[in-house]
C-alpha atoms as a PDB file:
ATOM      1  CA  MET A   1       0.041   0.024  -0.025  1.00  0.00           C
ATOM      2  CA  LYS A   2       1.294   3.469  -0.871  1.00  0.00           C
ATOM      3  CA  ALA A   3       2.567   5.552   2.153  1.00  0.00           C
ATOM      4  CA  VAL A   4       1.145   9.056   2.164  1.00  0.00           C
ATOM      5  CA  ASP A   5       2.920  12.086   3.555  1.00  0.00           C
ATOM      6  CA  ILE A   6       0.332  14.665   4.349  1.00  0.00           C
ATOM      7  CA  ASN A   7       2.925  17.426   4.130  1.00  0.00           C
ATOM      8  CA  SER A   8       3.794  16.376   0.503  1.00  0.00           C
ATOM      9  CA  PRO A   9       2.881  18.596  -2.456  1.00  0.00           C
ATOM     10  CA  GLU A  10       0.774  15.755  -3.874  1.00  0.00           C
ATOM     11  CA  PHE A  11      -1.288  15.465  -0.739  1.00  0.00           C
ATOM     12  CA  GLN A  12      -1.738  19.199  -0.312  1.00  0.00           C
ATOM     13  CA  GLN A  13      -2.812  19.600  -3.973  1.00  0.00           C
ATOM     14  CA  GLU A  14      -5.304  16.817  -3.663  1.00  0.00           C
ATOM     15  CA  PHE A  15      -6.578  18.174  -0.291  1.00  0.00           C
ATOM     16  CA  LEU A  16      -7.518  21.390  -2.012  1.00  0.00           C
ATOM     17  CA  LYS A  17      -9.481  19.414  -4.622  1.00  0.00           C
ATOM     18  CA  THR A  18     -11.216  17.601  -1.773  1.00  0.00           C
ATOM     19  CA  GLU A  19     -12.189  20.810  -0.190  1.00  0.00           C
ATOM     20  CA  LYS A  20     -13.690  22.056  -3.412  1.00  0.00           C
ATOM     21  CA  PHE A  21     -15.466  18.714  -3.806  1.00  0.00           C
ATOM     22  CA  ALA A  22     -16.965  19.019  -0.238  1.00  0.00           C
ATOM     23  CA  HIS A  23     -18.157  22.603  -0.853  1.00  0.00           C
ATOM     24  CA  LYS A  24     -19.846  21.511  -4.077  1.00  0.00           C
ATOM     25  CA  THR A  25     -21.494  18.549  -2.413  1.00  0.00           C
ATOM     26  CA  VAL A  26     -22.836  20.887   0.378  1.00  0.00           C
ATOM     27  CA  GLU A  27     -24.298  23.241  -2.246  1.00  0.00           C
ATOM     28  CA  GLN A  28     -25.760  20.426  -4.331  1.00  0.00           C
ATOM     29  CA  PHE A  29     -27.697  18.854  -1.496  1.00  0.00           C
ATOM     30  CA  GLY A  30     -28.383  21.923   0.578  1.00  0.00           C
ATOM     31  CA  TRP A  31     -26.424  20.603   3.536  1.00  0.00           C
ATOM     32  CA  THR A  32     -23.803  22.409   5.785  1.00  0.00           C
ATOM     33  CA  PHE A  33     -20.599  21.438   7.308  1.00  0.00           C
ATOM     34  CA  HIS A  34     -20.554  19.960  10.789  1.00  0.00           C
ATOM     35  CA  PRO A  35     -19.979  22.899  13.297  1.00  0.00           C
ATOM     36  CA  ASP A  36     -16.963  21.106  14.762  1.00  0.00           C
ATOM     37  CA  GLU A  37     -14.093  22.181  12.531  1.00  0.00           C
ATOM     38  CA  GLU A  38     -11.857  19.308  13.902  1.00  0.00           C
ATOM     39  CA  ILE A  39     -14.336  16.722  12.704  1.00  0.00           C
ATOM     40  CA  VAL A  40     -14.479  18.387   9.199  1.00  0.00           C
ATOM     41  CA  GLU A  41     -10.699  18.625   8.900  1.00  0.00           C
ATOM     42  CA  ARG A  42     -10.218  14.948   9.998  1.00  0.00           C
ATOM     43  CA  VAL A  43     -12.679  13.722   7.436  1.00  0.00           C
ATOM     44  CA  LEU A  44     -11.343  15.828   4.606  1.00  0.00           C
ATOM     45  CA  LYS A  45      -7.899  14.437   5.286  1.00  0.00           C
ATOM     46  CA  GLY A  46      -9.249  10.963   5.335  1.00  0.00           C
ATOM     47  CA  LEU A  47     -10.967  11.519   2.021  1.00  0.00           C
ATOM     48  CA  THR A  48      -7.742  12.999   0.524  1.00  0.00           C
ATOM     49  CA  ASN A  49      -5.721  10.114   1.800  1.00  0.00           C
ATOM     50  CA  ASN A  50      -8.037   7.655   0.181  1.00  0.00           C
ATOM     51  CA  LYS A  51      -8.085   9.510  -3.068  1.00  0.00           C
ATOM     52  CA  VAL A  52      -4.268   9.563  -3.148  1.00  0.00           C
ATOM     53  CA  VAL A  53      -3.968   5.902  -2.259  1.00  0.00           C
ATOM     54  CA  TYR A  54      -7.038   4.326  -3.921  1.00  0.00           C
ATOM     55  CA  ARG A  55      -7.914   6.853  -6.532  1.00  0.00           C
ATOM     56  CA  LYS A  56     -11.380   7.238  -5.032  1.00  0.00           C
ATOM     57  CA  ARG A  57     -12.909   9.313  -2.139  1.00  0.00           C
ATOM     58  CA  PHE A  58     -13.918   6.363  -0.007  1.00  0.00           C
ATOM     59  CA  CYS A  59     -15.421   7.245   3.307  1.00  0.00           C
ATOM     60  CA  PRO A  60     -12.522   7.129   5.849  1.00  0.00           C
ATOM     61  CA  CYS A  61     -14.756   5.586   8.482  1.00  0.00           C
ATOM     62  CA  PHE A  62     -15.239   2.169   6.623  1.00  0.00           C
ATOM     63  CA  PRO A  63     -12.798  -0.549   5.631  1.00  0.00           C
ATOM     64  CA  ILE A  64     -11.410  -0.845   2.188  1.00  0.00           C
ATOM     65  CA  GLU A  65     -10.495  -4.125   0.547  1.00  0.00           C
ATOM     66  CA  GLU A  66      -9.156  -5.389  -2.711  1.00  0.00           C
ATOM     67  CA  LYS A  67     -11.418  -7.568  -4.735  1.00  0.00           C
ATOM     68  CA  ASP A  68     -10.815  -8.934  -8.241  1.00  0.00           C
ATOM     69  CA  GLY A  69      -7.866  -6.543  -8.588  1.00  0.00           C
ATOM     70  CA  ARG A  70      -9.670  -3.275  -7.520  1.00  0.00           C
ATOM     71  CA  TYR A  71     -10.308  -1.624  -4.279  1.00  0.00           C
ATOM     72  CA  VAL A  72     -13.851  -1.384  -2.897  1.00  0.00           C
ATOM     73  CA  SER A  73     -15.378   0.046   0.234  1.00  0.00           C
ATOM     74  CA  SER A  74     -17.828  -1.746   2.430  1.00  0.00           C
ATOM     75  CA  ASP A  75     -21.483  -0.915   1.540  1.00  0.00           C
ATOM     76  CA  ASN A  76     -20.269   1.162  -1.367  1.00  0.00           C
ATOM     77  CA  ARG A  77     -19.198   3.921   0.838  1.00  0.00           C
ATOM     78  CA  ILE A  78     -17.869   6.462  -1.722  1.00  0.00           C
ATOM     79  CA  CYS A  79     -18.523  10.125  -0.688  1.00  0.00           C
ATOM     80  CA  PRO A  80     -21.226  11.242  -0.794  1.00  0.00           C
ATOM     81  CA  CYS A  81     -22.369   7.791  -0.023  1.00  0.00           C
ATOM     82  CA  PRO A  82     -25.954   6.720  -0.849  1.00  0.00           C
ATOM     83  CA  GLN A  83     -26.575   5.905   2.724  1.00  0.00           C
ATOM     84  CA  ALA A  84     -25.842   9.483   3.781  1.00  0.00           C
ATOM     85  CA  ILE A  85     -28.055  10.994   1.009  1.00  0.00           C
ATOM     86  CA  LYS A  86     -31.019   8.648   1.475  1.00  0.00           C
ATOM     87  CA  GLU A  87     -31.070   7.652   5.187  1.00  0.00           C
ATOM     88  CA  GLU A  88     -28.497   9.156   7.578  1.00  0.00           C
ATOM     89  CA  ILE A  89     -28.848  12.882   6.839  1.00  0.00           C
ATOM     90  CA  PRO A  90     -32.709  12.825   6.164  1.00  0.00           C
ATOM     91  CA  ASN A  91     -33.293  10.723   9.370  1.00  0.00           C
ATOM     92  CA  GLU A  92     -30.560  11.697  11.734  1.00  0.00           C
ATOM     93  CA  GLY A  93     -29.477  15.055  10.490  1.00  0.00           C
ATOM     94  CA  VAL A  94     -25.769  14.065  10.009  1.00  0.00           C
ATOM     95  CA  CYS A  95     -23.833  11.490   7.935  1.00  0.00           C
ATOM     96  CA  HIS A  96     -22.001   8.607   9.628  1.00  0.00           C
ATOM     97  CA  CYS A  97     -18.474  10.253   9.331  1.00  0.00           C
ATOM     98  CA  GLY A  98     -19.853  13.600  10.527  1.00  0.00           C
ATOM     99  CA  ILE A  99     -18.680  15.983   7.935  1.00  0.00           C
ATOM    100  CA  PHE A 100     -22.102  16.776   6.312  1.00  0.00           C
ATOM    101  CA  CYS A 101     -25.301  17.743   8.313  1.00  0.00           C
ATOM    102  CA  THR A 102     -28.497  19.599   8.053  1.00  0.00           C
ATOM    103  CA  ASN A 103     -28.807  23.305   9.195  1.00  0.00           C
ATOM    104  CA  GLU A 104     -31.056  22.132  12.010  1.00  0.00           C
ATOM    105  CA  PHE A 105     -28.554  19.645  13.265  1.00  0.00           C
ATOM    106  CA  ALA A 106     -25.858  22.268  13.151  1.00  0.00           C
ATOM    107  CA  GLN A 107     -27.900  24.738  15.158  1.00  0.00           C
ATOM    108  CA  ASN A 108     -28.926  22.158  17.872  1.00  0.00           C
ATOM    109  CA  TYR A 109     -25.187  21.032  18.021  1.00  0.00           C
ATOM    110  CA  ASN A 110     -24.076  24.714  18.642  1.00  0.00           C
ATOM    111  CA  LYS A 111     -26.557  24.960  21.481  1.00  0.00           C
ATOM    112  CA  GLU A 112     -25.495  21.733  23.109  1.00  0.00           C
ATOM    113  CA  HIS A 113     -21.881  22.442  22.501  1.00  0.00           C
ATOM    114  CA  PRO A 114     -21.054  25.988  23.039  1.00  0.00           C
ATOM    115  CA  LYS A 115     -17.609  27.016  21.884  1.00  0.00           C
ATOM    116  CA  LYS A 116     -15.062  27.121  24.697  1.00  0.00           C
ATOM    117  CA  GLU A 117     -14.118  30.563  25.463  1.00  0.00           C
ATOM    118  CA  ALA A 118     -10.635  31.725  26.654  1.00  0.00           C
ATOM    119  CA  ARG A 119     -10.586  31.736  30.303  1.00  0.00           C
ATOM    120  CA  GLU A 120      -6.985  33.060  30.776  1.00  0.00           C
ATOM    121  CA  VAL A 121      -4.857  35.904  29.337  1.00  0.00           C
ATOM    122  CA  GLU A 122      -1.122  36.024  29.961  1.00  0.00           C
ATOM    123  CA  GLY A 123      -1.594  33.178  32.490  1.00  0.00           C
ATOM    124  CA  LEU A 124      -4.038  35.210  34.534  1.00  0.00           C
ATOM    125  CA  ASN A 125      -7.519  33.883  35.200  1.00  0.00           C
ATOM    126  CA  VAL A 126     -10.743  36.027  35.362  1.00  0.00           C
ATOM    127  CA  GLY A 127     -10.497  36.650  39.071  1.00  0.00           C
ATOM    128  CA  GLU A 128      -6.866  37.902  38.853  1.00  0.00           C
ATOM    129  CA  LEU A 129      -7.697  40.159  35.933  1.00  0.00           C
ATOM    130  CA  GLU A 130     -10.620  41.574  37.817  1.00  0.00           C
ATOM    131  CA  ARG A 131      -8.381  42.486  40.682  1.00  0.00           C
ATOM    132  CA  ILE A 132      -5.993  44.342  38.347  1.00  0.00           C
ATOM    133  CA  LEU A 133      -9.021  46.099  36.845  1.00  0.00           C
ATOM    134  CA  GLU A 134     -10.204  47.232  40.323  1.00  0.00           C
ATOM    135  CA  LYS A 135      -6.962  48.872  41.128  1.00  0.00           C
ATOM    136  CA  GLU A 136      -6.966  52.710  41.268  1.00  0.00           C
ATOM    137  CA  GLN A 137      -3.521  52.922  39.730  1.00  0.00           C
ATOM    138  CA  ILE A 138      -2.787  50.846  36.688  1.00  0.00           C
ATOM    139  CA  LEU A 139       0.585  50.312  34.933  1.00  0.00           C
ATOM    140  CA  GLY A 140       1.068  50.244  31.204  1.00  0.00           C
ATOM    141  CA  GLU A 141       1.746  46.459  30.932  1.00  0.00           C
ATOM    142  CA  GLU A 142      -1.273  45.850  33.115  1.00  0.00           C
ATOM    143  CA  LEU A 143      -3.479  47.858  30.756  1.00  0.00           C
ATOM    144  CA  GLU A 144      -2.077  45.957  27.777  1.00  0.00           C
ATOM    145  CA  ILE A 145      -3.159  42.725  29.503  1.00  0.00           C
ATOM    146  CA  LEU A 146      -6.609  44.088  30.428  1.00  0.00           C
ATOM    147  CA  LEU A 147      -7.201  45.145  26.736  1.00  0.00           C
ATOM    148  CA  LYS A 148      -6.390  41.587  25.628  1.00  0.00           C
ATOM    149  CA  ALA A 149      -8.738  40.231  28.225  1.00  0.00           C
ATOM    150  CA  ARG A 150     -11.523  42.574  27.162  1.00  0.00           C
ATOM    151  CA  GLU A 151     -11.095  41.460  23.586  1.00  0.00           C
ATOM    152  CA  ALA A 152     -11.507  37.881  24.809  1.00  0.00           C
ATOM    153  CA  GLY A 153     -14.671  38.895  26.677  1.00  0.00           C
ATOM    154  CA  LEU A 154     -13.209  38.157  30.129  1.00  0.00           C
ATOM    155  CA  VAL A 155     -13.447  41.748  31.537  1.00  0.00           C
ATOM    156  CA  ASP A 156     -15.542  44.736  30.728  1.00  0.00           C
ATOM    157  CA  PHE A 157     -14.428  48.418  31.071  1.00  0.00           C
ATOM    158  CA  LYS A 158     -14.187  51.634  28.967  1.00  0.00           C
ATOM    159  CA  LEU A 159     -10.849  53.335  28.141  1.00  0.00           C
ATOM    160  CA  ILE A 160     -11.031  57.031  28.019  1.00  0.00           C
ATOM    161  CA  ASP A 161      -8.393  59.561  26.729  1.00  0.00           C
ATOM    162  CA  ILE A 162      -8.639  62.760  28.656  1.00  0.00           C
ATOM    163  CA  ARG A 163      -5.976  64.642  26.627  1.00  0.00           C
ATOM    164  CA  GLU A 164      -6.650  67.309  23.981  1.00  0.00           C
ATOM    165  CA  PRO A 165      -7.859  66.437  20.524  1.00  0.00           C
ATOM    166  CA  PHE A 166      -4.440  67.182  18.890  1.00  0.00           C
ATOM    167  CA  GLU A 167      -2.637  64.850  21.319  1.00  0.00           C
ATOM    168  CA  ASN A 168      -5.209  62.103  20.515  1.00  0.00           C
ATOM    169  CA  GLN A 169      -4.676  62.606  16.818  1.00  0.00           C
ATOM    170  CA  MET A 170      -0.971  62.323  17.133  1.00  0.00           C
ATOM    171  CA  MET A 171      -1.050  58.992  19.122  1.00  0.00           C
ATOM    172  CA  ARG A 172      -3.611  57.138  21.244  1.00  0.00           C
ATOM    173  CA  ILE A 173      -3.855  53.649  22.765  1.00  0.00           C
ATOM    174  CA  LYS A 174      -5.486  51.163  20.379  1.00  0.00           C
ATOM    175  CA  GLY A 175      -8.761  50.198  22.167  1.00  0.00           C
ATOM    176  CA  THR A 176      -9.565  53.752  23.341  1.00  0.00           C
ATOM    177  CA  ASP A 177     -13.327  54.138  23.533  1.00  0.00           C
ATOM    178  CA  GLU A 178     -13.702  57.832  23.862  1.00  0.00           C
ATOM    179  CA  LEU A 179     -11.926  61.169  23.962  1.00  0.00           C
ATOM    180  CA  LEU A 180     -13.168  63.447  26.714  1.00  0.00           C
ATOM    181  CA  PRO A 181     -10.581  66.229  27.257  1.00  0.00           C
ATOM    182  CA  ILE A 182     -10.044  67.331  30.868  1.00  0.00           C
ATOM    183  CA  SER A 183     -10.345  70.919  29.565  1.00  0.00           C
ATOM    184  CA  ARG A 184     -13.997  70.262  28.757  1.00  0.00           C
ATOM    185  CA  VAL A 185     -15.184  68.344  31.756  1.00  0.00           C
ATOM    186  CA  GLN A 186     -17.756  70.916  32.672  1.00  0.00           C
ATOM    187  CA  TYR A 187     -19.179  70.960  29.124  1.00  0.00           C
ATOM    188  CA  ASP A 188     -19.066  67.114  28.793  1.00  0.00           C
ATOM    189  CA  LEU A 189     -20.486  66.419  32.297  1.00  0.00           C
ATOM    190  CA  ASP A 190     -23.471  64.616  30.851  1.00  0.00           C
ATOM    191  CA  LYS A 191     -21.221  62.167  29.049  1.00  0.00           C
ATOM    192  CA  TRP A 192     -18.992  61.623  32.127  1.00  0.00           C
ATOM    193  CA  MET A 193     -22.043  60.861  34.282  1.00  0.00           C
ATOM    194  CA  GLN A 194     -23.031  57.985  31.935  1.00  0.00           C
ATOM    195  CA  TYR A 195     -19.787  56.281  33.064  1.00  0.00           C
ATOM    196  CA  LYS A 196     -20.412  56.938  36.739  1.00  0.00           C
ATOM    197  CA  ASP A 197     -21.442  53.224  37.551  1.00  0.00           C
ATOM    198  CA  LYS A 198     -19.200  51.684  34.991  1.00  0.00           C
ATOM    199  CA  ARG A 199     -15.692  50.483  35.270  1.00  0.00           C
ATOM    200  CA  ILE A 200     -13.443  53.024  33.406  1.00  0.00           C
ATOM    201  CA  ILE A 201      -9.732  53.671  32.977  1.00  0.00           C
ATOM    202  CA  ILE A 202      -8.559  57.117  32.141  1.00  0.00           C
ATOM    203  CA  TYR A 203      -5.146  58.229  30.698  1.00  0.00           C
ATOM    204  CA  CYS A 204      -3.196  61.278  29.684  1.00  0.00           C
ATOM    205  CA  HIS A 205       0.429  61.679  28.536  1.00  0.00           C
ATOM    206  CA  VAL A 206       2.358  60.886  31.837  1.00  0.00           C
ATOM    207  CA  GLY A 207      -0.417  60.304  34.347  1.00  0.00           C
ATOM    208  CA  SER A 208      -0.637  63.788  36.125  1.00  0.00           C
ATOM    209  CA  ARG A 209      -3.680  65.158  34.499  1.00  0.00           C
ATOM    210  CA  SER A 210      -5.560  61.938  34.586  1.00  0.00           C
ATOM    211  CA  GLY A 211      -4.577  61.380  38.283  1.00  0.00           C
ATOM    212  CA  TYR A 212      -5.897  64.890  39.070  1.00  0.00           C
ATOM    213  CA  LEU A 213      -9.187  64.064  37.239  1.00  0.00           C
ATOM    214  CA  GLN A 214      -9.502  60.780  38.929  1.00  0.00           C
ATOM    215  CA  ARG A 215      -9.538  62.390  42.335  1.00  0.00           C
ATOM    216  CA  ALA A 216     -12.092  64.941  41.134  1.00  0.00           C
ATOM    217  CA  LEU A 217     -14.392  62.378  39.755  1.00  0.00           C
ATOM    218  CA  GLN A 218     -14.174  60.430  42.968  1.00  0.00           C
ATOM    219  CA  GLN A 219     -14.347  63.224  45.526  1.00  0.00           C
ATOM    220  CA  GLN A 220     -16.701  65.550  43.715  1.00  0.00           C
ATOM    221  CA  LEU A 221     -18.930  63.301  41.507  1.00  0.00           C
ATOM    222  CA  GLY A 222     -18.916  60.153  43.570  1.00  0.00           C
ATOM    223  CA  PHE A 223     -17.235  57.823  40.993  1.00  0.00           C
ATOM    224  CA  THR A 224     -16.101  54.576  42.587  1.00  0.00           C
ATOM    225  CA  LYS A 225     -14.927  52.541  39.527  1.00  0.00           C
ATOM    226  CA  VAL A 226     -12.317  54.815  37.856  1.00  0.00           C
ATOM    227  CA  GLY A 227      -8.712  53.629  37.397  1.00  0.00           C
ATOM    228  CA  ASN A 228      -5.812  55.814  36.371  1.00  0.00           C
ATOM    229  CA  LEU A 229      -3.112  54.842  33.907  1.00  0.00           C
ATOM    230  CA  THR A 230      -0.301  55.800  36.442  1.00  0.00           C
ATOM    231  CA  TYR A 231       2.420  56.971  34.027  1.00  0.00           C
ATOM    232  CA  GLY A 232       0.227  57.646  31.072  1.00  0.00           C
ATOM    233  CA  ILE A 233       0.568  56.677  27.406  1.00  0.00           C
ATOM    234  CA  ALA A 234       4.302  57.433  27.779  1.00  0.00           C
ATOM    235  CA  ASP A 235       4.612  54.189  29.701  1.00  0.00           C
ATOM    236  CA  TYR A 236       2.421  52.113  27.412  1.00  0.00           C
ATOM    237  CA  TYR A 237       4.216  49.837  25.025  1.00  0.00           C
ATOM    238  CA  GLY A 238       1.162  48.041  23.511  1.00  0.00           C
ATOM    239  CA  GLU A 239      -0.474  48.977  20.192  1.00  0.00           C
ATOM    240  CA  ILE A 240      -0.753  52.614  19.253  1.00  0.00           C
ATOM    241  CA  GLU A 241      -2.965  54.341  16.724  1.00  0.00           C
ATOM    242  CA  ARG A 242      -2.512  57.632  14.860  1.00  0.00           C
ATOM    243  CA  GLY A 243      -4.495  60.072  12.949  1.00  0.00           C
END
């Protein structure tokens, strides 16, 4: 039997053909792919392997034997097999090997098997991330971690630049939600009050203006969930936006 190297050009080229074949099959029968991408990839590789070795896309879940000088699959399992078309998918919603299914099956599967969400960022779990977020003084490297955690859906906060518009245009931290200049606090008071009960982090260039505003928000307006980027954007080495 021919040995197959899945990293070989021959296998990779045939894999692309198998992918096209699978997409055409889905379109032809009005099916969809199994929501579990690992199942789909495993079956695609199995089909590709059989195509390279036996010159036919035999279902990888069933044995193949040689009869009268030619290779055959048990129950004539050549993808898309008659059993999947006539029985398995209409009755069970999914074919035996799992690559093809109905939209209804896929929806139910997703409900029963929600995708695993990231529970850690930089080795820190949700509780540890929350403790960083609750600090009044936050370092640049800590903010970088918190922004990654927010993107992963592990924490929730708003990042506010309190510098002037020209400073924001020159450079700002990627992930900044709003520009509310400290020079306009009295004019933007309504906007600020919308954040009173929300977790926010404010920053300026080196942390002095934002530190001053933090104290004012706490002492004069009753904010209890405001953190300050201690040394400002000057101490932040994460992604920066301009313009």
